[in-house]
Amino acid sequence: MRISPGIVVLAILYPAMSITLLPRPHVTPAESLIDVLRREYADVKSEVRYFDSYFDLDGDGKDEAIVYIIGPDVCGSGGCETLIFALHGTEYKMISRIGLSRPPIIVLSKHSNGWRDLAVFVAGGGILPGYFAKLQFDGKAYPDNPTVDPAQPLKSKPAGAIVIPEKMRSVTEGKLLKSRR
């Protein structure tokens, strides 16, 4: 292969140009969220689906993503995972992983450490009857387990914005993240 003298001179005078690649295509926040979810659940061998909703939990004018994950290998008798993501630039970063949760997932009107409180339903895995648990942001994350402190059991269904509904006709209504291998 013959290299033109002009290209060698450019590489010497402008070394950064010699390794410049095409810019990365613009990634939308939605694509970023799907990328993060696929990496999180890459090792799961069964089908994984999710329900997502967007709500400004911290009052910064940007919606956080609330994602409820479902699938035979990612849920247990106590429920499935609810993930909370904050938007940083055009990419979502996970800030909370709440296990043992069930819909409905409700955003409450009260705030803790600048973030809206959440409520999830807790049942199964030996918990009968089920109940709602209030989750408060501690400055870094929401509690990862709604069945123990610092989560607070509630006596009744709280008022608030339902972001992941209770009634789903079928789990196949969820968006397919990963099909069976």
C-alpha atoms as a PDB file:
ATOM      1  CA  MET A   1       0.000   0.000   0.000  1.00  0.00           C
ATOM      2  CA  ARG A   2       1.410   3.364  -0.997  1.00  0.00           C
ATOM      3  CA  ILE A   3       0.825   6.346   1.318  1.00  0.00           C
ATOM      4  CA  SER A   4       0.819   9.777  -0.206  1.00  0.00           C
ATOM      5  CA  PRO A   5       3.511  12.147   1.167  1.00  0.00           C
ATOM      6  CA  GLY A   6       0.779  14.694   1.877  1.00  0.00           C
ATOM      7  CA  ILE A   7      -0.933  12.335   4.312  1.00  0.00           C
ATOM      8  CA  VAL A   8       2.317  11.610   6.164  1.00  0.00           C
ATOM      9  CA  VAL A   9       2.967  15.361   6.501  1.00  0.00           C
ATOM     10  CA  LEU A  10      -0.597  15.881   7.824  1.00  0.00           C
ATOM     11  CA  ALA A  11      -0.068  13.106  10.375  1.00  0.00           C
ATOM     12  CA  ILE A  12       3.168  14.697  11.588  1.00  0.00           C
ATOM     13  CA  LEU A  13       1.855  18.268  11.686  1.00  0.00           C
ATOM     14  CA  TYR A  14      -1.579  17.361  13.024  1.00  0.00           C
ATOM     15  CA  PRO A  15      -1.270  14.056  14.893  1.00  0.00           C
ATOM     16  CA  ALA A  16      -4.817  14.194  16.258  1.00  0.00           C
ATOM     17  CA  MET A  17      -6.151  14.187  12.713  1.00  0.00           C
ATOM     18  CA  SER A  18      -4.382  10.922  11.983  1.00  0.00           C
ATOM     19  CA  ILE A  19      -6.561   9.083  14.510  1.00  0.00           C
ATOM     20  CA  THR A  20      -9.777  11.057  14.156  1.00  0.00           C
ATOM     21  CA  LEU A  21     -12.747   8.795  13.607  1.00  0.00           C
ATOM     22  CA  LEU A  22     -16.215   9.644  12.484  1.00  0.00           C
ATOM     23  CA  PRO A  23     -18.239  11.120  15.347  1.00  0.00           C
ATOM     24  CA  ARG A  24     -20.454   8.747  17.291  1.00  0.00           C
ATOM     25  CA  PRO A  25     -24.027   8.961  16.082  1.00  0.00           C
ATOM     26  CA  HIS A  26     -26.333  10.922  18.377  1.00  0.00           C
ATOM     27  CA  VAL A  27     -27.838   8.637  21.000  1.00  0.00           C
ATOM     28  CA  THR A  28     -31.289   9.622  22.212  1.00  0.00           C
ATOM     29  CA  PRO A  29     -32.223   9.257  25.883  1.00  0.00           C
ATOM     30  CA  ALA A  30     -34.630   6.430  24.959  1.00  0.00           C
ATOM     31  CA  GLU A  31     -31.833   4.552  23.150  1.00  0.00           C
ATOM     32  CA  SER A  32     -29.539   5.154  26.115  1.00  0.00           C
ATOM     33  CA  LEU A  33     -32.106   3.642  28.485  1.00  0.00           C
ATOM     34  CA  ILE A  34     -32.513   0.532  26.313  1.00  0.00           C
ATOM     35  CA  ASP A  35     -28.715   0.158  26.113  1.00  0.00           C
ATOM     36  CA  VAL A  36     -28.415   0.299  29.914  1.00  0.00           C
ATOM     37  CA  LEU A  37     -31.250  -2.206  30.380  1.00  0.00           C
ATOM     38  CA  ARG A  38     -29.744  -4.626  27.851  1.00  0.00           C
ATOM     39  CA  ARG A  39     -26.389  -4.506  29.643  1.00  0.00           C
ATOM     40  CA  GLU A  40     -28.068  -5.009  33.045  1.00  0.00           C
ATOM     41  CA  TYR A  41     -29.937  -8.106  31.885  1.00  0.00           C
ATOM     42  CA  ALA A  42     -27.434  -9.504  29.355  1.00  0.00           C
ATOM     43  CA  ASP A  43     -26.893 -12.729  31.309  1.00  0.00           C
ATOM     44  CA  VAL A  44     -30.583 -13.549  31.773  1.00  0.00           C
ATOM     45  CA  LYS A  45     -31.466 -16.557  29.648  1.00  0.00           C
ATOM     46  CA  SER A  46     -35.242 -16.086  29.548  1.00  0.00           C
ATOM     47  CA  GLU A  47     -37.455 -13.399  28.085  1.00  0.00           C
ATOM     48  CA  VAL A  48     -37.287  -9.987  29.770  1.00  0.00           C
ATOM     49  CA  ARG A  49     -39.919  -7.301  29.317  1.00  0.00           C
ATOM     50  CA  TYR A  50     -40.384  -3.889  30.860  1.00  0.00           C
ATOM     51  CA  PHE A  51     -42.903  -1.154  31.475  1.00  0.00           C
ATOM     52  CA  ASP A  52     -41.566   2.386  31.531  1.00  0.00           C
ATOM     53  CA  SER A  53     -42.856   5.768  32.544  1.00  0.00           C
ATOM     54  CA  TYR A  54     -41.280   9.199  32.791  1.00  0.00           C
ATOM     55  CA  PHE A  55     -41.789  11.704  35.586  1.00  0.00           C
ATOM     56  CA  ASP A  56     -39.739  14.594  36.958  1.00  0.00           C
ATOM     57  CA  LEU A  57     -38.985  13.199  40.407  1.00  0.00           C
ATOM     58  CA  ASP A  58     -36.362  15.755  41.452  1.00  0.00           C
ATOM     59  CA  GLY A  59     -37.908  18.961  40.071  1.00  0.00           C
ATOM     60  CA  ASP A  60     -35.042  19.755  37.696  1.00  0.00           C
ATOM     61  CA  GLY A  61     -37.309  19.935  34.631  1.00  0.00           C
ATOM     62  CA  LYS A  62     -36.003  16.615  33.236  1.00  0.00           C
ATOM     63  CA  ASP A  63     -38.016  13.433  33.538  1.00  0.00           C
ATOM     64  CA  GLU A  64     -36.505  10.486  35.346  1.00  0.00           C
ATOM     65  CA  ALA A  65     -37.300   7.029  33.956  1.00  0.00           C
ATOM     66  CA  ILE A  66     -39.233   4.610  36.158  1.00  0.00           C
ATOM     67  CA  VAL A  67     -38.893   1.079  34.787  1.00  0.00           C
ATOM     68  CA  TYR A  68     -40.639  -2.064  36.003  1.00  0.00           C
ATOM     69  CA  ILE A  69     -38.838  -5.235  34.815  1.00  0.00           C
ATOM     70  CA  ILE A  70     -40.655  -8.553  34.373  1.00  0.00           C
ATOM     71  CA  GLY A  71     -39.655 -12.049  33.331  1.00  0.00           C
ATOM     72  CA  PRO A  72     -39.427 -15.567  34.735  1.00  0.00           C
ATOM     73  CA  ASP A  73     -35.760 -15.258  35.711  1.00  0.00           C
ATOM     74  CA  VAL A  74     -35.881 -11.682  37.038  1.00  0.00           C
ATOM     75  CA  CYS A  75     -38.917 -11.915  39.327  1.00  0.00           C
ATOM     76  CA  GLY A  76     -39.578 -13.974  42.395  1.00  0.00           C
ATOM     77  CA  SER A  77     -42.564 -14.742  44.576  1.00  0.00           C
ATOM     78  CA  GLY A  78     -42.119 -11.342  46.255  1.00  0.00           C
ATOM     79  CA  GLY A  79     -42.265  -9.374  43.005  1.00  0.00           C
ATOM     80  CA  CYS A  80     -39.966  -7.890  40.398  1.00  0.00           C
ATOM     81  CA  GLU A  81     -37.524  -5.012  40.161  1.00  0.00           C
ATOM     82  CA  THR A  82     -38.342  -1.349  39.774  1.00  0.00           C
ATOM     83  CA  LEU A  83     -35.454   0.731  38.459  1.00  0.00           C
ATOM     84  CA  ILE A  84     -35.090   4.506  38.646  1.00  0.00           C
ATOM     85  CA  PHE A  85     -32.871   6.322  36.159  1.00  0.00           C
ATOM     86  CA  ALA A  86     -31.806   9.983  36.078  1.00  0.00           C
ATOM     87  CA  LEU A  87     -30.989  11.738  32.821  1.00  0.00           C
ATOM     88  CA  HIS A  88     -27.413  13.058  32.610  1.00  0.00           C
ATOM     89  CA  GLY A  89     -26.966  14.856  29.291  1.00  0.00           C
ATOM     90  CA  THR A  90     -28.478  12.432  26.795  1.00  0.00           C
ATOM     91  CA  GLU A  91     -27.806   9.293  28.836  1.00  0.00           C
ATOM     92  CA  TYR A  92     -29.752   7.646  31.635  1.00  0.00           C
ATOM     93  CA  LYS A  93     -27.842   6.491  34.728  1.00  0.00           C
ATOM     94  CA  MET A  94     -29.389   4.108  37.241  1.00  0.00           C
ATOM     95  CA  ILE A  95     -29.823   5.650  40.662  1.00  0.00           C
ATOM     96  CA  SER A  96     -32.020   3.010  42.349  1.00  0.00           C
ATOM     97  CA  ARG A  97     -32.864  -0.662  42.090  1.00  0.00           C
ATOM     98  CA  ILE A  98     -35.927  -1.532  44.152  1.00  0.00           C
ATOM     99  CA  GLY A  99     -36.485  -5.253  44.522  1.00  0.00           C
ATOM    100  CA  LEU A 100     -39.592  -7.118  45.664  1.00  0.00           C
ATOM    101  CA  SER A 101     -41.982  -4.575  44.197  1.00  0.00           C
ATOM    102  CA  ARG A 102     -45.292  -4.845  42.393  1.00  0.00           C
ATOM    103  CA  PRO A 103     -47.498  -2.357  40.564  1.00  0.00           C
ATOM    104  CA  PRO A 104     -49.018   0.047  40.933  1.00  0.00           C
ATOM    105  CA  ILE A 105     -45.992   2.280  41.291  1.00  0.00           C
ATOM    106  CA  ILE A 106     -47.107   5.682  42.496  1.00  0.00           C
ATOM    107  CA  VAL A 107     -45.322   9.042  42.659  1.00  0.00           C
ATOM    108  CA  LEU A 108     -46.436  10.802  45.843  1.00  0.00           C
ATOM    109  CA  SER A 109     -46.749  14.554  46.373  1.00  0.00           C
ATOM    110  CA  LYS A 110     -44.324  14.706  49.330  1.00  0.00           C
ATOM    111  CA  HIS A 111     -40.578  15.163  48.856  1.00  0.00           C
ATOM    112  CA  SER A 112     -37.539  13.763  50.678  1.00  0.00           C
ATOM    113  CA  ASN A 113     -34.111  15.266  50.015  1.00  0.00           C
ATOM    114  CA  GLY A 114     -35.477  17.075  46.958  1.00  0.00           C
ATOM    115  CA  TRP A 115     -37.038  13.991  45.307  1.00  0.00           C
ATOM    116  CA  ARG A 116     -40.650  12.888  45.241  1.00  0.00           C
ATOM    117  CA  ASP A 117     -41.533   9.959  47.488  1.00  0.00           C
ATOM    118  CA  LEU A 118     -42.655   6.735  45.792  1.00  0.00           C
ATOM    119  CA  ALA A 119     -45.065   3.988  46.772  1.00  0.00           C
ATOM    120  CA  VAL A 120     -44.956   0.395  45.566  1.00  0.00           C
ATOM    121  CA  PHE A 121     -47.147  -2.575  46.382  1.00  0.00           C
ATOM    122  CA  VAL A 122     -45.567  -5.371  48.415  1.00  0.00           C
ATOM    123  CA  ALA A 123     -47.018  -8.907  48.487  1.00  0.00           C
ATOM    124  CA  GLY A 124     -46.047 -12.536  48.028  1.00  0.00           C
ATOM    125  CA  GLY A 125     -42.962 -14.267  49.308  1.00  0.00           C
ATOM    126  CA  GLY A 126     -44.757 -14.869  52.594  1.00  0.00           C
ATOM    127  CA  ILE A 127     -46.235 -11.359  52.865  1.00  0.00           C
ATOM    128  CA  LEU A 128     -49.990 -11.683  53.267  1.00  0.00           C
ATOM    129  CA  PRO A 129     -51.980  -9.558  53.008  1.00  0.00           C
ATOM    130  CA  GLY A 130     -50.149  -7.207  50.692  1.00  0.00           C
ATOM    131  CA  TYR A 131     -49.630  -3.529  51.489  1.00  0.00           C
ATOM    132  CA  PHE A 132     -48.241  -0.329  50.037  1.00  0.00           C
ATOM    133  CA  ALA A 133     -44.793   0.832  51.108  1.00  0.00           C
ATOM    134  CA  LYS A 134     -43.561   4.425  50.971  1.00  0.00           C
ATOM    135  CA  LEU A 135     -40.018   4.908  49.723  1.00  0.00           C
ATOM    136  CA  GLN A 136     -38.154   8.125  50.481  1.00  0.00           C
ATOM    137  CA  PHE A 137     -35.052   9.321  48.644  1.00  0.00           C
ATOM    138  CA  ASP A 138     -32.078   9.468  51.056  1.00  0.00           C
ATOM    139  CA  GLY A 139     -29.982  11.923  49.039  1.00  0.00           C
ATOM    140  CA  LYS A 140     -28.429   9.183  46.885  1.00  0.00           C
ATOM    141  CA  ALA A 141     -31.102   6.554  46.190  1.00  0.00           C
ATOM    142  CA  TYR A 142     -34.455   5.086  47.140  1.00  0.00           C
ATOM    143  CA  PRO A 143     -34.462   2.064  49.508  1.00  0.00           C
ATOM    144  CA  ASP A 144     -33.659  -1.153  47.652  1.00  0.00           C
ATOM    145  CA  ASN A 145     -36.045  -3.281  49.715  1.00  0.00           C
ATOM    146  CA  PRO A 146     -39.592  -2.022  50.344  1.00  0.00           C
ATOM    147  CA  THR A 147     -40.257  -4.679  53.008  1.00  0.00           C
ATOM    148  CA  VAL A 148     -37.801  -3.364  55.637  1.00  0.00           C
ATOM    149  CA  ASP A 149     -36.680  -0.044  57.134  1.00  0.00           C
ATOM    150  CA  PRO A 150     -36.277   2.641  55.929  1.00  0.00           C
ATOM    151  CA  ALA A 151     -39.324   1.819  53.754  1.00  0.00           C
ATOM    152  CA  GLN A 152     -42.550   2.604  55.580  1.00  0.00           C
ATOM    153  CA  PRO A 153     -45.670   0.438  55.383  1.00  0.00           C
ATOM    154  CA  LEU A 154     -48.843   2.382  54.596  1.00  0.00           C
ATOM    155  CA  LYS A 155     -52.328   1.540  55.870  1.00  0.00           C
ATOM    156  CA  SER A 156     -54.031   2.156  52.518  1.00  0.00           C
ATOM    157  CA  LYS A 157     -53.421   2.970  48.865  1.00  0.00           C
ATOM    158  CA  PRO A 158     -51.866   6.448  48.769  1.00  0.00           C
ATOM    159  CA  ALA A 159     -52.984   9.278  46.501  1.00  0.00           C
ATOM    160  CA  GLY A 160     -50.565  10.238  43.786  1.00  0.00           C
ATOM    161  CA  ALA A 161     -49.659   9.847  40.135  1.00  0.00           C
ATOM    162  CA  ILE A 162     -49.793   6.205  39.046  1.00  0.00           C
ATOM    163  CA  VAL A 163     -46.805   5.796  36.726  1.00  0.00           C
ATOM    164  CA  ILE A 164     -46.871   1.999  36.346  1.00  0.00           C
ATOM    165  CA  PRO A 165     -50.456   0.717  36.478  1.00  0.00           C
ATOM    166  CA  GLU A 166     -51.701  -2.142  38.593  1.00  0.00           C
ATOM    167  CA  LYS A 167     -53.875  -3.794  35.997  1.00  0.00           C
ATOM    168  CA  MET A 168     -52.085  -5.266  33.026  1.00  0.00           C
ATOM    169  CA  ARG A 169     -54.017  -7.562  30.759  1.00  0.00           C
ATOM    170  CA  SER A 170     -50.851  -9.551  30.067  1.00  0.00           C
ATOM    171  CA  VAL A 171     -47.130  -9.365  30.728  1.00  0.00           C
ATOM    172  CA  THR A 172     -46.733  -9.380  26.951  1.00  0.00           C
ATOM    173  CA  GLU A 173     -47.985  -5.784  27.034  1.00  0.00           C
ATOM    174  CA  GLY A 174     -44.527  -4.940  28.327  1.00  0.00           C
ATOM    175  CA  LYS A 175     -41.865  -3.872  25.859  1.00  0.00           C
ATOM    176  CA  LEU A 176     -39.617  -6.747  24.826  1.00  0.00           C
ATOM    177  CA  LEU A 177     -36.096  -6.149  26.041  1.00  0.00           C
ATOM    178  CA  LYS A 178     -34.715  -9.588  25.428  1.00  0.00           C
ATOM    179  CA  SER A 179     -36.196 -12.700  23.873  1.00  0.00           C
ATOM    180  CA  ARG A 180     -35.411 -16.239  24.992  1.00  0.00           C
ATOM    181  CA  ARG A 181     -32.033 -17.620  23.981  1.00  0.00           C
END
